[in-house]
């Protein structure tokens, strides 16, 4: 079952210094951190901050191509977690037919932001992420999860990219 989530924030992991997209379910009960690269985080941050670039970025180009092909993004889904790597799909509606396109979560999320499309995460992915945390340094990962879950909107402002 897929759970709708929104972006709670985009921040820097204080431990690894890597960007994290923090997704939260619409009820505010579950949080899913997804570590991404700096360039991928930048594409998301530009959209979150509503910064226009002089030329289309890759995700803007993709949005334009999808629209020109008379298609639209129905939703994106973070659908799998294998070997600590998240997988996603972009679900397009192309003239009434649904098409699933394999994507990196960061690219799918950047496109979802640009198209105002919903973001979903399979429940098994959230459960799998918790299991992966338990197999790592338990104290450090549980501390990080508690920290992420308790961040207020004001706290996130301190860690924006």
Protein backbone atom coordinates (compact mmCIF):
# COMPACT_ATOMS: atom_id res chain seq x y z
CA UNK A 1 0.00 0.00 0.00
CA UNK A 2 1.33 3.42 -0.95
CA UNK A 3 1.21 6.28 1.54
CA UNK A 4 0.99 9.89 0.39
CA UNK A 5 3.83 12.01 1.68
CA UNK A 6 5.01 15.59 1.38
CA UNK A 7 8.42 17.17 1.63
CA UNK A 8 8.98 18.18 5.22
CA UNK A 9 12.32 19.69 4.33
CA UNK A 10 15.61 19.55 2.53
CA UNK A 11 18.60 19.75 4.78
CA UNK A 12 22.18 18.70 5.41
CA UNK A 13 22.78 15.58 7.51
CA UNK A 14 24.88 16.85 10.41
CA UNK A 15 26.68 13.50 10.61
CA UNK A 16 27.59 12.82 6.95
CA UNK A 17 27.31 16.36 5.53
CA UNK A 18 25.13 14.95 2.73
CA UNK A 19 21.79 16.44 1.66
CA UNK A 20 18.64 14.71 2.89
CA UNK A 21 15.13 14.99 1.51
CA UNK A 22 12.83 14.48 4.48
CA UNK A 23 9.41 13.11 3.52
CA UNK A 24 6.55 13.05 6.02
CA UNK A 25 3.15 11.39 5.70
CA UNK A 26 0.13 13.66 5.55
CA UNK A 27 -0.85 12.72 9.12
CA UNK A 28 2.61 13.61 10.45
CA UNK A 29 3.19 10.13 11.90
CA UNK A 30 5.93 8.78 9.63
CA UNK A 31 9.15 10.29 8.37
CA UNK A 32 11.39 8.97 5.62
CA UNK A 33 14.84 10.48 5.07
CA UNK A 34 16.36 9.97 1.62
CA UNK A 35 20.02 10.90 1.21
CA UNK A 36 20.76 12.44 -2.20
CA UNK A 37 23.67 14.03 -4.02
CA UNK A 38 24.42 17.74 -3.92
CA UNK A 39 23.36 18.37 -7.53
CA UNK A 40 20.09 16.49 -7.06
CA UNK A 41 19.38 18.42 -3.87
CA UNK A 42 20.07 21.67 -5.70
CA UNK A 43 17.42 20.88 -8.35
CA UNK A 44 14.89 20.31 -5.56
CA UNK A 45 15.97 23.34 -3.54
CA UNK A 46 15.57 25.64 -6.55
CA UNK A 47 11.96 24.53 -6.90
CA UNK A 48 11.21 24.69 -3.17
CA UNK A 49 12.57 28.23 -3.07
CA UNK A 50 10.75 29.09 -6.33
CA UNK A 51 13.96 30.30 -7.99
CA UNK A 52 13.75 30.71 -11.75
CA UNK A 53 16.83 29.89 -13.81
CA UNK A 54 17.61 31.72 -17.07
CA UNK A 55 17.41 28.44 -19.04
CA UNK A 56 15.38 25.30 -18.30
CA UNK A 57 17.01 22.80 -15.97
CA UNK A 58 16.70 19.10 -16.83
CA UNK A 59 13.55 18.63 -14.73
CA UNK A 60 11.96 21.72 -16.30
CA UNK A 61 12.80 20.33 -19.73
CA UNK A 62 11.23 16.99 -18.81
CA UNK A 63 8.10 18.76 -17.57
CA UNK A 64 7.87 20.66 -20.88
CA UNK A 65 8.38 17.50 -22.96
CA UNK A 66 5.69 15.64 -21.01
CA UNK A 67 3.24 18.53 -21.52
CA UNK A 68 4.10 18.83 -25.23
CA UNK A 69 3.39 15.10 -25.65
CA UNK A 70 -0.07 15.72 -24.19
CA UNK A 71 0.72 13.73 -21.06
CA UNK A 72 0.76 14.59 -17.38
CA UNK A 73 2.39 13.28 -14.22
CA UNK A 74 -0.27 11.50 -12.16
CA UNK A 75 2.04 10.81 -9.22
CA UNK A 76 5.47 9.58 -8.28
CA UNK A 77 6.05 6.62 -6.01
CA UNK A 78 9.15 5.63 -4.07
CA UNK A 79 8.55 1.96 -4.66
CA UNK A 80 11.54 -0.06 -3.51
CA UNK A 81 14.60 -0.14 -1.28
CA UNK A 82 17.39 -2.52 -2.24
CA UNK A 83 20.91 -2.55 -0.78
CA UNK A 84 20.28 0.84 0.86
CA UNK A 85 19.27 2.33 -2.52
CA UNK A 86 15.80 3.79 -3.04
CA UNK A 87 13.94 3.29 -6.33
CA UNK A 88 11.04 5.32 -7.69
CA UNK A 89 8.64 5.42 -10.59
CA UNK A 90 6.97 8.32 -12.33
CA UNK A 91 3.39 7.46 -13.28
CA UNK A 92 2.38 9.32 -16.42
CA UNK A 93 -1.03 9.59 -17.98
CA UNK A 94 -0.48 9.55 -21.73
CA UNK A 95 -3.74 10.12 -23.58
CA UNK A 96 -5.70 8.13 -21.01
CA UNK A 97 -3.16 5.34 -20.59
CA UNK A 98 -1.02 4.97 -17.49
CA UNK A 99 2.73 4.53 -18.06
CA UNK A 100 5.30 3.76 -15.37
CA UNK A 101 8.79 5.21 -15.85
CA UNK A 102 11.76 4.08 -13.71
CA UNK A 103 13.48 7.00 -11.95
CA UNK A 104 15.77 7.95 -9.12
CA UNK A 105 13.74 9.28 -6.18
CA UNK A 106 15.48 12.65 -6.33
CA UNK A 107 14.57 13.10 -10.02
CA UNK A 108 11.02 11.90 -9.46
CA UNK A 109 10.57 14.28 -6.51
CA UNK A 110 12.06 17.21 -8.46
CA UNK A 111 9.58 16.51 -11.28
CA UNK A 112 6.67 16.09 -8.85
CA UNK A 113 7.43 19.50 -7.37
CA UNK A 114 7.46 21.10 -10.82
CA UNK A 115 4.18 19.46 -11.84
CA UNK A 116 2.40 19.74 -8.48
CA UNK A 117 2.00 15.96 -8.48
CA UNK A 118 1.51 13.86 -5.35
CA UNK A 119 4.39 11.91 -3.83
CA UNK A 120 3.74 8.40 -2.55
CA UNK A 121 5.95 5.89 -0.74
CA UNK A 122 5.21 2.19 -0.52
CA UNK A 123 4.69 1.13 3.09
CA UNK A 124 7.22 -1.69 2.56
CA UNK A 125 9.86 0.94 1.75
CA UNK A 126 9.23 2.80 5.00
CA UNK A 127 9.37 -0.49 6.92
CA UNK A 128 12.51 -1.51 5.01
CA UNK A 129 14.20 1.79 5.82
CA UNK A 130 13.50 1.21 9.52
CA UNK A 131 14.94 -2.33 9.23
CA UNK A 132 18.07 -1.00 7.52
CA UNK A 133 18.48 1.47 10.35
CA UNK A 134 18.23 -1.32 12.89
CA UNK A 135 21.01 -3.26 11.18
CA UNK A 136 23.38 -0.27 11.34
CA UNK A 137 24.63 1.48 14.42
CA UNK A 138 21.35 1.34 16.32
CA UNK A 139 22.05 4.21 18.72
CA UNK A 140 23.20 6.62 16.00
CA UNK A 141 20.36 5.83 13.59
CA UNK A 142 17.66 5.98 16.25
CA UNK A 143 19.08 9.31 17.43
CA UNK A 144 18.98 10.64 13.86
CA UNK A 145 15.40 9.39 13.32
CA UNK A 146 14.21 11.00 16.59
CA UNK A 147 15.96 14.22 15.59
CA UNK A 148 14.29 14.22 12.14
CA UNK A 149 10.84 13.41 13.53
CA UNK A 150 11.03 16.21 16.08
CA UNK A 151 12.22 18.98 13.77
CA UNK A 152 9.87 21.91 13.72
CA UNK A 153 9.40 24.12 10.67
CA UNK A 154 11.58 26.73 12.37
CA UNK A 155 14.34 24.14 12.90
CA UNK A 156 14.23 23.19 9.22
CA UNK A 157 14.89 26.81 8.32
CA UNK A 158 18.29 26.50 9.98
CA UNK A 159 19.25 23.62 7.71
CA UNK A 160 17.91 24.74 4.33
CA UNK A 161 20.24 24.36 1.42
